[in-house]
Protein backbone atom coordinates (compact mmCIF):
# COMPACT_ATOMS: atom_id res chain seq x y z
CA UNK A 1 86.57 76.29 85.92
CA UNK A 2 86.80 79.99 87.50
CA UNK A 3 85.57 83.21 85.82
CA UNK A 4 85.74 87.07 88.03
CA UNK A 5 83.07 89.05 86.03
CA UNK A 6 81.26 92.45 86.34
CA UNK A 7 78.12 91.64 88.57
CA UNK A 8 75.70 93.83 89.70
CA UNK A 9 74.84 94.63 93.20
CA UNK A 10 71.91 92.86 94.32
CA UNK A 11 70.17 90.82 96.92
CA UNK A 12 72.92 87.78 96.44
CA UNK A 13 75.88 90.05 96.94
CA UNK A 14 74.38 92.31 99.91
CA UNK A 15 74.02 89.38 101.91
CA UNK A 16 77.44 87.68 101.16
CA UNK A 17 79.02 91.09 102.51
CA UNK A 18 76.31 91.15 105.46
CA UNK A 19 77.67 86.56 106.18
CA UNK A 20 81.04 87.93 105.96
CA UNK A 21 80.61 91.09 108.78
CA UNK A 22 81.09 93.88 105.69
CA UNK A 23 79.37 96.77 105.81
CA UNK A 24 77.02 97.88 103.35
CA UNK A 25 74.56 101.30 104.28
CA UNK A 26 76.65 102.92 102.33
CA UNK A 27 76.11 101.23 99.15
CA UNK A 28 72.68 103.21 98.12
CA UNK A 29 73.72 105.94 98.28
CA UNK A 30 74.75 106.60 95.37
CA UNK A 31 77.88 105.41 94.35
CA UNK A 32 80.32 105.35 91.80
CA UNK A 33 80.94 101.63 93.03
CA UNK A 34 81.72 99.11 90.29
CA UNK A 35 80.98 95.39 91.79
CA UNK A 36 82.90 92.20 90.52
CA UNK A 37 82.06 88.29 91.81
CA UNK A 38 82.48 84.87 90.79
CA UNK A 39 79.45 82.37 90.60
CA UNK A 40 78.35 78.84 90.19
CA UNK A 41 75.01 78.51 88.13
CA UNK A 42 73.18 80.47 90.75
CA UNK A 43 75.39 81.08 93.26
CA UNK A 44 77.79 83.64 94.44
CA UNK A 45 81.49 82.48 95.23
CA UNK A 46 82.74 85.95 95.85
CA UNK A 47 82.75 89.14 95.25
CA UNK A 48 84.87 92.40 95.70
CA UNK A 49 84.19 96.10 94.65
CA UNK A 50 86.16 98.99 93.64
CA UNK A 51 85.15 102.49 94.29
CA UNK A 52 86.14 105.21 92.01
CA UNK A 53 86.38 108.44 94.60
CA UNK A 54 87.58 111.63 92.30
CA UNK A 55 90.93 111.03 91.52
CA UNK A 56 90.97 107.70 93.62
CA UNK A 57 90.40 104.59 94.21
CA UNK A 58 89.16 102.56 97.39
CA UNK A 59 89.27 98.24 97.18
CA UNK A 60 86.66 97.30 99.42
CA UNK A 61 83.90 94.74 100.17
CA UNK A 62 86.19 91.88 99.48
CA UNK A 63 84.33 89.00 100.75
CA UNK A 64 84.38 85.09 99.92
CA UNK A 65 81.38 82.63 100.97
CA UNK A 66 82.91 80.55 103.30
CA UNK A 67 82.92 77.14 101.45
CA UNK A 68 84.96 78.73 99.19
CA UNK A 69 87.83 80.48 101.94
CA UNK A 70 91.14 79.50 101.38
CA UNK A 71 90.39 78.10 97.93
CA UNK A 72 92.88 81.07 96.25
CA UNK A 73 89.16 82.70 95.40
CA UNK A 74 90.17 86.22 97.31
CA UNK A 75 93.68 86.34 96.21
CA UNK A 76 92.09 85.82 92.34
CA UNK A 77 89.51 88.91 93.41
CA UNK A 78 91.81 91.05 94.27
CA UNK A 79 94.24 90.38 91.37
CA UNK A 80 91.56 91.19 89.55
CA UNK A 81 90.53 94.08 90.50
CA UNK A 82 93.98 95.43 90.05
CA UNK A 83 93.65 94.78 86.32
CA UNK A 84 90.73 96.53 85.86
CA UNK A 85 91.82 99.56 88.63
CA UNK A 86 95.09 99.31 86.24
CA UNK A 87 93.34 99.62 82.62
CA UNK A 88 90.78 102.51 83.96
CA UNK A 89 93.90 104.47 84.19
CA UNK A 90 94.55 104.07 88.19
CA UNK A 91 97.89 104.34 89.63
CA UNK A 92 97.50 103.08 92.77
CA UNK A 93 94.38 101.21 95.05
CA UNK A 94 93.89 102.67 98.73
CA UNK A 95 91.72 99.89 101.26
CA UNK A 96 90.91 99.93 105.01
CA UNK A 97 91.07 96.83 106.92
CA UNK A 98 90.14 95.68 110.24
CA UNK A 99 91.78 92.32 110.14
CA UNK A 100 92.97 91.69 106.87
CA UNK A 101 96.39 93.40 106.74
CA UNK A 102 98.25 90.47 106.73
CA UNK A 103 96.55 89.15 103.76
CA UNK A 104 97.18 92.37 101.89
CA UNK A 105 100.98 92.60 103.26
CA UNK A 106 101.31 89.25 100.76
CA UNK A 107 99.88 91.21 97.65
CA UNK A 108 102.23 94.12 98.11
CA UNK A 109 99.73 96.52 99.73
CA UNK A 110 102.29 98.71 102.37
CA UNK A 111 100.48 100.69 105.39
CA UNK A 112 100.24 103.89 105.28
CA UNK A 113 99.32 106.40 107.97
CA UNK A 114 95.28 107.33 107.93
CA UNK A 115 96.55 111.09 107.60
CA UNK A 116 98.38 110.44 104.56
CA UNK A 117 95.18 109.30 102.68
CA UNK A 118 94.40 111.18 99.85
CA UNK A 119 91.78 113.83 100.32
CA UNK A 120 89.25 111.83 98.30
CA UNK A 121 89.97 108.42 100.39
CA UNK A 122 89.13 111.01 103.79
CA UNK A 123 85.31 111.78 102.08
CA UNK A 124 84.50 108.17 101.93
CA UNK A 125 81.99 106.96 104.20
CA UNK A 126 83.95 103.86 104.70
CA UNK A 127 86.99 105.82 105.78
CA UNK A 128 85.37 109.13 107.68
CA UNK A 129 82.43 106.67 109.23
CA UNK A 130 81.58 103.38 108.76
CA UNK A 131 85.46 101.74 109.38
CA UNK A 132 87.25 102.96 112.98
CA UNK A 133 89.62 104.98 113.27
CA UNK A 134 91.64 101.11 114.75
CA UNK A 135 91.65 100.51 111.01
CA UNK A 136 94.39 99.95 108.67
CA UNK A 137 94.75 102.48 105.72
CA UNK A 138 96.39 100.37 102.95
CA UNK A 139 98.02 101.52 99.29
CA UNK A 140 99.18 99.01 96.53
CA UNK A 141 101.08 100.71 93.57
CA UNK A 142 100.14 99.76 90.29
CA UNK A 143 102.87 99.14 87.92
């Protein structure tokens, strides 16, 4: 039975993010980031995070461990993060991606010109320094 629940930013999360090629250098900077994850006993299967950026929300750090890729876990993590965002009163979720735009398009995300990013998103490390200028900015309006 798959359960997705809040997880702490610990070594297992950082290791999974590194194994997935995702950057973590800004996670220790006191950001308002909430992680969700799926575990079996002591194994972290996958994780995702929501970074609160004033009045905007950035979906980030989606990672699924190799043995669980293709199982639907990534979709489940995104859905659970969107549910949390909506419950927390957010009407939209933004993200930056280099290679997963097709995955997110299939989940209802739309491309957005980087110049149209809300000011709060533009000031994040993800937007300003960590993600390359070639990364895609996407948004999903939450019903």
